[in-house]
Amino acid sequence: MALKTGHKVLIGVGIFIVLVALWAMVSYNGLVSADETINEKWANVQSAYQRRADLIPNLVATVKQYTNYEGDVLTKITEARASVGKASNPQELAAAGQQMDSALSRLLVVAENYPDLKANENYLSLQDELAGTENRVKVERDLFNKAVKEFNIKVRRFPTSIMASWGGFETKQSFEAQAGSETAPDVGAMFE
């Protein structure tokens, strides 16, 4: 028994509806997965910055043992550490990181005047850990930027862009170089 034309049309429409529903489900779930990947990478970036912020009080304590230094650098470091914890987007975290860099640079300038401190094992170890943490921060920022790029491509690419607008997904911000970073100080020289 042959299908009537009306039945064929209904079957065709049904198949089309099922395909559209499957596409919508796959697109939406892909966007959710990409968004969660960004959240994971953001947490990793924050963790790397926090590790860096946690190392600095140990460095400060070591410097204080040798220098009796109590200047405003300690206040700036405390403020910078608080800014790292409060940052909610890449620009705020980068600004907090830059504030931390400035305070740390000032601390290291103070340390330069104390040869015994510069030879202290704890001080040298903390400098090594801090340098390693700087590398971790860069790696985590790069991974975050990659996840943001992949997400933003999905959000903007047709036809997934339709699902992104229906689902309320918007492009995300990535880390960008700070103004003047093309002439950044030599961090290695700060630790010598």
N, C-alpha and C. Protein backbone atom coordinates (compact mmCIF):
# COMPACT_ATOMS: atom_id res chain seq x y z
N MET A 1 0.83 -1.17 0.00
CA MET A 1 0.00 0.00 0.00
C MET A 1 0.89 1.25 0.00
N ALA A 2 0.66 2.07 -0.93
CA ALA A 2 1.48 3.28 -1.11
C ALA A 2 0.97 4.38 -0.20
N LEU A 3 1.94 5.19 0.25
CA LEU A 3 1.59 6.33 1.09
C LEU A 3 1.01 7.44 0.23
N LYS A 4 0.04 8.08 0.80
CA LYS A 4 -0.56 9.21 0.10
C LYS A 4 0.39 10.40 0.22
N THR A 5 0.22 11.31 -0.68
CA THR A 5 1.07 12.49 -0.72
C THR A 5 1.00 13.26 0.61
N GLY A 6 -0.15 13.35 1.20
CA GLY A 6 -0.33 14.06 2.46
C GLY A 6 0.47 13.40 3.58
N HIS A 7 0.51 12.07 3.60
CA HIS A 7 1.29 11.34 4.60
C HIS A 7 2.79 11.57 4.39
N LYS A 8 3.19 11.59 3.13
CA LYS A 8 4.60 11.82 2.82
C LYS A 8 5.03 13.21 3.31
N VAL A 9 4.18 14.17 3.11
CA VAL A 9 4.47 15.53 3.56
C VAL A 9 4.57 15.57 5.08
N LEU A 10 3.63 14.91 5.76
CA LEU A 10 3.66 14.87 7.23
C LEU A 10 4.91 14.18 7.74
N ILE A 11 5.29 13.10 7.13
CA ILE A 11 6.52 12.39 7.53
C ILE A 11 7.73 13.29 7.28
N GLY A 12 7.77 13.96 6.14
CA GLY A 12 8.86 14.88 5.83
C GLY A 12 8.94 16.03 6.83
N VAL A 13 7.81 16.59 7.18
CA VAL A 13 7.77 17.67 8.16
C VAL A 13 8.22 17.15 9.52
N GLY A 14 7.75 15.95 9.87
CA GLY A 14 8.15 15.35 11.16
C GLY A 14 9.66 15.13 11.23
N ILE A 15 10.23 14.61 10.16
CA ILE A 15 11.68 14.39 10.11
C ILE A 15 12.41 15.72 10.21
N PHE A 16 11.91 16.74 9.52
CA PHE A 16 12.53 18.06 9.57
C PHE A 16 12.50 18.62 11.00
N ILE A 17 11.36 18.47 11.68
CA ILE A 17 11.22 18.97 13.05
C ILE A 17 12.18 18.22 13.98
N VAL A 18 12.29 16.92 13.81
CA VAL A 18 13.21 16.13 14.64
C VAL A 18 14.65 16.57 14.39
N LEU A 19 15.02 16.79 13.14
CA LEU A 19 16.38 17.23 12.82
C LEU A 19 16.67 18.62 13.40
N VAL A 20 15.73 19.53 13.30
CA VAL A 20 15.92 20.87 13.87
C VAL A 20 16.05 20.77 15.39
N ALA A 21 15.23 19.94 16.02
CA ALA A 21 15.31 19.78 17.48
C ALA A 21 16.66 19.18 17.88
N LEU A 22 17.13 18.19 17.13
CA LEU A 22 18.45 17.61 17.42
C LEU A 22 19.56 18.64 17.24
N TRP A 23 19.48 19.43 16.16
CA TRP A 23 20.48 20.47 15.94
C TRP A 23 20.46 21.46 17.09
N ALA A 24 19.26 21.89 17.53
CA ALA A 24 19.14 22.85 18.61
C ALA A 24 19.75 22.28 19.90
N MET A 25 19.47 21.03 20.16
CA MET A 25 19.98 20.39 21.37
C MET A 25 21.51 20.30 21.33
N VAL A 26 22.05 19.86 20.22
CA VAL A 26 23.51 19.73 20.08
C VAL A 26 24.18 21.10 20.15
N SER A 27 23.60 22.09 19.49
CA SER A 27 24.16 23.44 19.52
C SER A 27 24.15 24.02 20.93
N TYR A 28 23.01 23.91 21.59
CA TYR A 28 22.89 24.46 22.94
C TYR A 28 23.86 23.76 23.89
N ASN A 29 23.91 22.44 23.83
CA ASN A 29 24.82 21.71 24.72
C ASN A 29 26.28 22.03 24.42
N GLY A 30 26.62 22.26 23.16
CA GLY A 30 27.98 22.65 22.80
C GLY A 30 28.32 24.02 23.38
N LEU A 31 27.37 24.94 23.35
CA LEU A 31 27.59 26.27 23.93
C LEU A 31 27.74 26.19 25.45
N VAL A 32 26.92 25.37 26.08
CA VAL A 32 27.02 25.20 27.53
C VAL A 32 28.38 24.61 27.90
N SER A 33 28.81 23.60 27.16
CA SER A 33 30.12 22.99 27.43
C SER A 33 31.25 24.00 27.26
N ALA A 34 31.20 24.78 26.20
CA ALA A 34 32.24 25.79 25.96
C ALA A 34 32.22 26.86 27.05
N ASP A 35 31.03 27.25 27.50
CA ASP A 35 30.91 28.24 28.56
C ASP A 35 31.49 27.69 29.87
N GLU A 36 31.22 26.44 30.17
CA GLU A 36 31.77 25.82 31.38
C GLU A 36 33.29 25.66 31.29
N THR A 37 33.80 25.41 30.10
CA THR A 37 35.25 25.35 29.90
C THR A 37 35.88 26.69 30.24
N ILE A 38 35.23 27.77 29.81
CA ILE A 38 35.73 29.11 30.14
C ILE A 38 35.72 29.31 31.64
N ASN A 39 34.65 28.90 32.30
CA ASN A 39 34.59 29.04 33.77
C ASN A 39 35.72 28.28 34.44
N GLU A 40 36.01 27.09 33.94
CA GLU A 40 37.11 26.29 34.49
C GLU A 40 38.45 27.00 34.27
N LYS A 41 38.67 27.49 33.07
CA LYS A 41 39.93 28.16 32.77
C LYS A 41 40.06 29.45 33.57
N TRP A 42 38.96 30.15 33.79
CA TRP A 42 38.98 31.37 34.60
C TRP A 42 39.39 31.03 36.03
N ALA A 43 38.83 29.94 36.56
CA ALA A 43 39.20 29.52 37.92
C ALA A 43 40.68 29.18 37.99
N ASN A 44 41.22 28.58 36.96
CA ASN A 44 42.65 28.26 36.93
C ASN A 44 43.51 29.53 36.90
N VAL A 45 43.06 30.53 36.15
CA VAL A 45 43.78 31.81 36.11
C VAL A 45 43.76 32.44 37.50
N GLN A 46 42.58 32.47 38.11
CA GLN A 46 42.47 33.05 39.45
C GLN A 46 43.35 32.30 40.45
N SER A 47 43.39 30.99 40.33
CA SER A 47 44.21 30.18 41.22
C SER A 47 45.69 30.51 41.06
N ALA A 48 46.13 30.69 39.82
CA ALA A 48 47.54 31.03 39.58
C ALA A 48 47.86 32.41 40.16
N TYR A 49 46.97 33.37 39.95
CA TYR A 49 47.19 34.69 40.53
C TYR A 49 47.17 34.63 42.06
N GLN A 50 46.28 33.81 42.60
CA GLN A 50 46.20 33.70 44.06
C GLN A 50 47.47 33.06 44.62
N ARG A 51 48.00 32.07 43.93
CA ARG A 51 49.25 31.45 44.37
C ARG A 51 50.35 32.51 44.42
N ARG A 52 50.37 33.31 43.40
CA ARG A 52 51.36 34.39 43.34
C ARG A 52 51.16 35.34 44.52
N ALA A 53 49.92 35.72 44.77
CA ALA A 53 49.62 36.63 45.88
C ALA A 53 49.97 35.99 47.22
N ASP A 54 49.82 34.69 47.32
CA ASP A 54 50.13 33.99 48.58
C ASP A 54 51.64 33.88 48.82
N LEU A 55 52.43 33.87 47.78
CA LEU A 55 53.88 33.79 47.94
C LEU A 55 54.48 35.12 48.41
N ILE A 56 53.86 36.19 48.05
CA ILE A 56 54.44 37.50 48.32
C ILE A 56 54.56 37.80 49.82
N PRO A 57 53.59 37.46 50.67
CA PRO A 57 53.80 37.73 52.11
C PRO A 57 55.03 37.01 52.68
N ASN A 58 55.31 35.81 52.18
CA ASN A 58 56.52 35.11 52.61
C ASN A 58 57.77 35.88 52.19
N LEU A 59 57.74 36.42 50.98
CA LEU A 59 58.85 37.22 50.50
C LEU A 59 58.99 38.49 51.35
N VAL A 60 57.86 39.11 51.66
CA VAL A 60 57.87 40.31 52.49
C VAL A 60 58.45 39.99 53.87
N ALA A 61 58.01 38.88 54.46
CA ALA A 61 58.51 38.50 55.79
C ALA A 61 60.02 38.28 55.76
N THR A 62 60.50 37.65 54.73
CA THR A 62 61.94 37.42 54.60
C THR A 62 62.69 38.74 54.46
N VAL A 63 62.16 39.64 53.65
CA VAL A 63 62.79 40.95 53.47
C VAL A 63 62.80 41.69 54.81
N LYS A 64 61.69 41.64 55.53
CA LYS A 64 61.60 42.35 56.81
C LYS A 64 62.62 41.83 57.82
N GLN A 65 62.93 40.53 57.79
CA GLN A 65 63.91 39.95 58.72
C GLN A 65 65.29 40.60 58.53
N TYR A 66 65.59 40.97 57.33
CA TYR A 66 66.93 41.48 57.03
C TYR A 66 67.00 43.00 56.96
N THR A 67 65.85 43.66 56.77
CA THR A 67 65.91 45.08 56.46
C THR A 67 65.25 45.99 57.46
N ASN A 68 64.40 45.48 58.33
CA ASN A 68 63.59 46.32 59.22
C ASN A 68 62.78 47.34 58.41
N TYR A 69 62.39 46.94 57.22
CA TYR A 69 61.67 47.84 56.33
C TYR A 69 60.18 47.76 56.62
N GLU A 70 59.52 48.88 56.81
CA GLU A 70 58.09 48.92 57.11
C GLU A 70 57.34 49.88 56.20
N GLY A 71 57.93 50.35 55.14
CA GLY A 71 57.36 51.40 54.30
C GLY A 71 55.99 51.09 53.73
N ASP A 72 55.53 51.99 52.88
CA ASP A 72 54.20 51.86 52.27
C ASP A 72 54.13 50.71 51.27
N VAL A 73 55.25 50.09 50.97
CA VAL A 73 55.24 48.95 50.05
C VAL A 73 54.36 47.84 50.61
N LEU A 74 54.43 47.63 51.92
CA LEU A 74 53.61 46.58 52.54
C LEU A 74 52.13 46.89 52.39
N THR A 75 51.77 48.14 52.52
CA THR A 75 50.37 48.54 52.34
C THR A 75 49.95 48.30 50.89
N LYS A 76 50.82 48.65 49.97
CA LYS A 76 50.51 48.46 48.54
C LYS A 76 50.36 46.97 48.21
N ILE A 77 51.20 46.15 48.80
CA ILE A 77 51.11 44.70 48.56
C ILE A 77 49.79 44.16 49.11
N THR A 78 49.40 44.61 50.29
CA THR A 78 48.13 44.17 50.88
C THR A 78 46.96 44.58 50.00
N GLU A 79 47.00 45.82 49.51
CA GLU A 79 45.94 46.30 48.63
C GLU A 79 45.90 45.50 47.32
N ALA A 80 47.06 45.22 46.79
CA ALA A 80 47.14 44.47 45.53
C ALA A 80 46.61 43.05 45.72
N ARG A 81 46.95 42.41 46.83
CA ARG A 81 46.45 41.06 47.10
C ARG A 81 44.94 41.07 47.19
N ALA A 82 44.37 42.08 47.83
CA ALA A 82 42.91 42.18 47.94
C ALA A 82 42.28 42.37 46.57
N SER A 83 42.92 43.15 45.71
CA SER A 83 42.40 43.37 44.36
C SER A 83 42.37 42.08 43.54
N VAL A 84 43.36 41.24 43.72
CA VAL A 84 43.39 39.96 43.01
C VAL A 84 42.18 39.12 43.39
N GLY A 85 41.87 39.08 44.67
CA GLY A 85 40.73 38.29 45.14
C GLY A 85 39.39 38.82 44.69
N LYS A 86 39.30 40.12 44.43
CA LYS A 86 38.03 40.75 44.05
C LYS A 86 37.79 40.79 42.54
N ALA A 87 38.81 40.51 41.75
CA ALA A 87 38.69 40.63 40.29
C ALA A 87 37.65 39.65 39.76
N SER A 88 36.79 40.16 38.87
CA SER A 88 35.74 39.29 38.32
C SER A 88 35.80 39.15 36.81
N ASN A 89 36.77 39.79 36.18
CA ASN A 89 36.93 39.64 34.74
C ASN A 89 38.41 39.82 34.39
N PRO A 90 38.78 39.47 33.17
CA PRO A 90 40.20 39.54 32.80
C PRO A 90 40.82 40.93 32.96
N GLN A 91 40.07 41.98 32.65
CA GLN A 91 40.65 43.32 32.75
C GLN A 91 40.94 43.68 34.21
N GLU A 92 40.01 43.36 35.11
CA GLU A 92 40.23 43.65 36.53
C GLU A 92 41.39 42.83 37.08
N LEU A 93 41.47 41.57 36.69
CA LEU A 93 42.55 40.72 37.18
C LEU A 93 43.90 41.18 36.63
N ALA A 94 43.92 41.59 35.38
CA ALA A 94 45.17 42.11 34.80
C ALA A 94 45.60 43.39 35.51
N ALA A 95 44.64 44.25 35.82
CA ALA A 95 44.96 45.49 36.54
C ALA A 95 45.48 45.18 37.94
N ALA A 96 44.85 44.21 38.61
CA ALA A 96 45.31 43.80 39.94
C ALA A 96 46.71 43.20 39.84
N GLY A 97 46.96 42.43 38.81
CA GLY A 97 48.28 41.84 38.60
C GLY A 97 49.33 42.92 38.36
N GLN A 98 48.95 43.94 37.62
CA GLN A 98 49.87 45.04 37.36
C GLN A 98 50.17 45.81 38.65
N GLN A 99 49.14 45.97 39.49
CA GLN A 99 49.32 46.62 40.79
C GLN A 99 50.27 45.79 41.65
N MET A 100 50.11 44.46 41.60
CA MET A 100 50.98 43.56 42.35
C MET A 100 52.41 43.65 41.83
N ASP A 101 52.56 43.71 40.51
CA ASP A 101 53.90 43.84 39.90
C ASP A 101 54.61 45.09 40.40
N SER A 102 53.87 46.18 40.44
CA SER A 102 54.45 47.45 40.87
C SER A 102 54.91 47.37 42.32
N ALA A 103 54.06 46.83 43.19
CA ALA A 103 54.42 46.72 44.61
C ALA A 103 55.60 45.76 44.79
N LEU A 104 55.58 44.67 44.05
CA LEU A 104 56.66 43.69 44.14
C LEU A 104 57.98 44.30 43.65
N SER A 105 57.92 45.06 42.58
CA SER A 105 59.13 45.71 42.06
C SER A 105 59.73 46.63 43.10
N ARG A 106 58.88 47.37 43.79
CA ARG A 106 59.37 48.28 44.83
C ARG A 106 60.00 47.51 45.98
N LEU A 107 59.40 46.37 46.33
CA LEU A 107 59.96 45.53 47.40
C LEU A 107 61.34 45.01 47.00
N LEU A 108 61.45 44.58 45.76
CA LEU A 108 62.72 44.03 45.29
C LEU A 108 63.80 45.10 45.19
N VAL A 109 63.41 46.33 44.93
CA VAL A 109 64.38 47.43 44.92
C VAL A 109 64.93 47.63 46.34
N VAL A 110 64.05 47.54 47.34
CA VAL A 110 64.49 47.64 48.73
C VAL A 110 65.49 46.52 49.03
N ALA A 111 65.17 45.31 48.58
CA ALA A 111 66.01 44.15 48.85
C ALA A 111 67.39 44.27 48.21
N GLU A 112 67.48 45.00 47.12
CA GLU A 112 68.76 45.16 46.42
C GLU A 112 69.85 45.76 47.32
N ASN A 113 69.45 46.53 48.30
CA ASN A 113 70.41 47.21 49.16
C ASN A 113 70.93 46.32 50.29
N TYR A 114 70.54 45.05 50.31
CA TYR A 114 70.93 44.16 51.41
C TYR A 114 71.55 42.88 50.84
N PRO A 115 72.87 42.85 50.72
CA PRO A 115 73.55 41.68 50.12
C PRO A 115 73.29 40.39 50.90
N ASP A 116 73.18 40.46 52.23
CA ASP A 116 72.91 39.25 53.01
C ASP A 116 71.54 38.67 52.65
N LEU A 117 70.59 39.53 52.44
CA LEU A 117 69.25 39.08 52.05
C LEU A 117 69.28 38.40 50.69
N LYS A 118 69.98 39.02 49.76
CA LYS A 118 70.04 38.46 48.41
C LYS A 118 70.73 37.10 48.38
N ALA A 119 71.51 36.78 49.41
CA ALA A 119 72.19 35.49 49.48
C ALA A 119 71.40 34.48 50.32
N ASN A 120 70.32 34.92 50.97
CA ASN A 120 69.52 34.05 51.83
C ASN A 120 68.81 32.98 51.01
N GLU A 121 68.92 31.73 51.48
CA GLU A 121 68.32 30.60 50.76
C GLU A 121 66.80 30.75 50.62
N ASN A 122 66.15 31.16 51.70
CA ASN A 122 64.70 31.32 51.67
C ASN A 122 64.29 32.38 50.65
N TYR A 123 65.01 33.48 50.62
CA TYR A 123 64.74 34.56 49.67
C TYR A 123 64.92 34.06 48.24
N LEU A 124 66.01 33.36 48.00
CA LEU A 124 66.27 32.83 46.65
C LEU A 124 65.21 31.81 46.24
N SER A 125 64.82 30.95 47.19
CA SER A 125 63.79 29.95 46.91
C SER A 125 62.45 30.62 46.58
N LEU A 126 62.11 31.64 47.36
CA LEU A 126 60.85 32.35 47.10
C LEU A 126 60.89 33.04 45.74
N GLN A 127 62.03 33.58 45.36
CA GLN A 127 62.16 34.20 44.05
C GLN A 127 61.96 33.17 42.94
N ASP A 128 62.53 31.97 43.13
CA ASP A 128 62.35 30.90 42.14
C ASP A 128 60.88 30.50 42.04
N GLU A 129 60.23 30.36 43.19
CA GLU A 129 58.81 30.00 43.18
C GLU A 129 57.98 31.08 42.52
N LEU A 130 58.32 32.32 42.79
CA LEU A 130 57.59 33.43 42.19
C LEU A 130 57.79 33.46 40.68
N ALA A 131 59.00 33.21 40.24
CA ALA A 131 59.26 33.16 38.79
C ALA A 131 58.47 32.01 38.15
N GLY A 132 58.44 30.85 38.82
CA GLY A 132 57.66 29.72 38.31
C GLY A 132 56.18 30.04 38.26
N THR A 133 55.72 30.75 39.26
CA THR A 133 54.31 31.14 39.30
C THR A 133 53.98 32.12 38.19
N GLU A 134 54.91 33.00 37.88
CA GLU A 134 54.70 33.93 36.76
C GLU A 134 54.48 33.14 35.47
N ASN A 135 55.25 32.07 35.29
CA ASN A 135 55.07 31.22 34.11
C ASN A 135 53.70 30.55 34.13
N ARG A 136 53.28 30.08 35.30
CA ARG A 136 51.94 29.46 35.42
C ARG A 136 50.84 30.45 35.07
N VAL A 137 50.99 31.67 35.55
CA VAL A 137 49.99 32.70 35.24
C VAL A 137 49.88 32.88 33.73
N LYS A 138 51.01 32.96 33.05
CA LYS A 138 50.98 33.14 31.60
C LYS A 138 50.32 31.95 30.91
N VAL A 139 50.68 30.74 31.33
CA VAL A 139 50.10 29.55 30.71
C VAL A 139 48.59 29.52 30.92
N GLU A 140 48.15 29.80 32.14
CA GLU A 140 46.71 29.77 32.42
C GLU A 140 45.97 30.87 31.67
N ARG A 141 46.58 32.03 31.55
CA ARG A 141 45.95 33.10 30.77
C ARG A 141 45.83 32.70 29.31
N ASP A 142 46.87 32.07 28.78
CA ASP A 142 46.83 31.62 27.38
C ASP A 142 45.74 30.57 27.17
N LEU A 143 45.61 29.63 28.11
CA LEU A 143 44.57 28.61 28.00
C LEU A 143 43.17 29.23 28.10
N PHE A 144 43.04 30.21 28.98
CA PHE A 144 41.76 30.92 29.10
C PHE A 144 41.43 31.63 27.79
N ASN A 145 42.42 32.34 27.22
CA ASN A 145 42.19 33.05 25.96
C ASN A 145 41.80 32.10 24.84
N LYS A 146 42.41 30.92 24.82
CA LYS A 146 42.07 29.93 23.79
C LYS A 146 40.63 29.47 23.94
N ALA A 147 40.21 29.20 25.18
CA ALA A 147 38.83 28.77 25.43
C ALA A 147 37.85 29.88 25.06
N VAL A 148 38.19 31.13 25.37
CA VAL A 148 37.33 32.26 25.01
C VAL A 148 37.21 32.38 23.50
N LYS A 149 38.33 32.22 22.81
CA LYS A 149 38.31 32.31 21.34
C LYS A 149 37.39 31.24 20.75
N GLU A 150 37.53 30.00 21.23
CA GLU A 150 36.70 28.91 20.71
C GLU A 150 35.22 29.16 20.99
N PHE A 151 34.91 29.66 22.19
CA PHE A 151 33.53 29.97 22.54
C PHE A 151 33.00 31.10 21.66
N ASN A 152 33.78 32.16 21.52
CA ASN A 152 33.33 33.31 20.72
C ASN A 152 33.09 32.92 19.27
N ILE A 153 33.91 32.02 18.74
CA ILE A 153 33.68 31.54 17.37
C ILE A 153 32.34 30.83 17.29
N LYS A 154 32.04 29.98 18.27
CA LYS A 154 30.75 29.27 18.28
C LYS A 154 29.58 30.24 18.37
N VAL A 155 29.72 31.24 19.23
CA VAL A 155 28.64 32.19 19.44
C VAL A 155 28.38 33.02 18.19
N ARG A 156 29.40 33.31 17.43
CA ARG A 156 29.27 34.18 16.27
C ARG A 156 29.01 33.42 14.96
N ARG A 157 29.35 32.14 14.91
CA ARG A 157 29.25 31.38 13.66
C ARG A 157 27.80 30.95 13.41
N PHE A 158 27.36 31.13 12.18
CA PHE A 158 26.03 30.70 11.78
C PHE A 158 26.04 29.20 11.51
N PRO A 159 25.07 28.46 11.88
CA PRO A 159 23.77 28.78 12.46
C PRO A 159 23.76 28.73 14.00
N THR A 160 24.89 28.38 14.62
CA THR A 160 24.92 28.30 16.09
C THR A 160 24.64 29.66 16.71
N SER A 161 24.93 30.73 15.98
CA SER A 161 24.66 32.08 16.49
C SER A 161 23.18 32.27 16.81
N ILE A 162 22.32 31.58 16.08
CA ILE A 162 20.88 31.65 16.35
C ILE A 162 20.60 31.06 17.73
N MET A 163 21.14 29.89 17.99
CA MET A 163 20.95 29.25 19.28
C MET A 163 21.60 30.06 20.39
N ALA A 164 22.74 30.67 20.11
CA ALA A 164 23.43 31.49 21.12
C ALA A 164 22.54 32.67 21.52
N SER A 165 21.91 33.32 20.56
CA SER A 165 21.05 34.46 20.90
C SER A 165 19.81 33.99 21.64
N TRP A 166 19.24 32.86 21.25
CA TRP A 166 18.07 32.33 21.95
C TRP A 166 18.43 31.91 23.38
N GLY A 167 19.64 31.36 23.54
CA GLY A 167 20.06 30.87 24.86
C GLY A 167 20.71 31.94 25.73
N GLY A 168 20.87 33.14 25.21
CA GLY A 168 21.46 34.23 25.99
C GLY A 168 22.97 34.16 26.11
N PHE A 169 23.62 33.46 25.20
CA PHE A 169 25.08 33.37 25.22
C PHE A 169 25.66 34.57 24.48
N GLU A 170 26.61 35.24 25.10
CA GLU A 170 27.27 36.39 24.48
C GLU A 170 28.77 36.15 24.46
N THR A 171 29.45 36.87 23.56
CA THR A 171 30.90 36.72 23.48
C THR A 171 31.53 37.12 24.82
N LYS A 172 32.69 36.55 25.10
CA LYS A 172 33.41 36.78 26.36
C LYS A 172 34.65 37.62 26.09
N GLN A 173 35.16 38.24 27.15
CA GLN A 173 36.39 39.02 27.05
C GLN A 173 37.58 38.13 27.34
N SER A 174 38.63 38.35 26.59
CA SER A 174 39.88 37.63 26.85
C SER A 174 40.88 38.60 27.46
N PHE A 175 42.00 38.06 27.91
CA PHE A 175 43.07 38.91 28.42
C PHE A 175 43.72 39.61 27.24
N GLU A 176 44.03 40.87 27.43
CA GLU A 176 44.74 41.64 26.42
C GLU A 176 45.96 42.25 27.07
N ALA A 177 46.91 42.58 26.27
CA ALA A 177 48.13 43.21 26.80
C ALA A 177 47.78 44.57 27.39
N GLN A 178 48.40 44.88 28.51
CA GLN A 178 48.21 46.18 29.14
C GLN A 178 48.94 47.25 28.34
N ALA A 179 48.43 48.45 28.39
CA ALA A 179 49.10 49.56 27.72
C ALA A 179 50.51 49.70 28.26
N GLY A 180 51.46 49.80 27.38
CA GLY A 180 52.85 49.95 27.78
C GLY A 180 53.56 48.63 28.03
N SER A 181 52.86 47.52 27.86
CA SER A 181 53.49 46.23 28.14
C SER A 181 54.54 45.86 27.11
N GLU A 182 54.53 46.54 25.98
CA GLU A 182 55.56 46.26 24.97
C GLU A 182 56.94 46.68 25.47
N THR A 183 56.98 47.49 26.52
CA THR A 183 58.25 47.90 27.12
C THR A 183 58.29 47.45 28.57
N ALA A 184 57.85 46.24 28.82
CA ALA A 184 57.80 45.71 30.18
C ALA A 184 59.20 45.58 30.76
N PRO A 185 59.32 45.74 32.08
CA PRO A 185 60.64 45.61 32.70
C PRO A 185 61.14 44.18 32.61
N ASP A 186 62.44 44.02 32.70
CA ASP A 186 63.08 42.70 32.67
C ASP A 186 62.90 42.06 34.04
N VAL A 187 61.95 41.11 34.13
CA VAL A 187 61.65 40.46 35.41
C VAL A 187 62.84 39.68 35.91
N GLY A 188 63.58 39.08 35.03
CA GLY A 188 64.76 38.32 35.43
C GLY A 188 65.77 39.18 36.16
N ALA A 189 65.93 40.41 35.71
CA ALA A 189 66.87 41.33 36.36
C ALA A 189 66.40 41.70 37.75
N MET A 190 65.08 41.68 37.97
CA MET A 190 64.55 42.02 39.29
C MET A 190 64.94 40.96 40.30
N PHE A 191 65.17 39.74 39.86
CA PHE A 191 65.46 38.64 40.79
C PHE A 191 66.95 38.37 40.94
N GLU A 192 67.78 39.12 40.30
CA GLU A 192 69.22 38.89 40.40
C GLU A 192 69.82 39.63 41.56
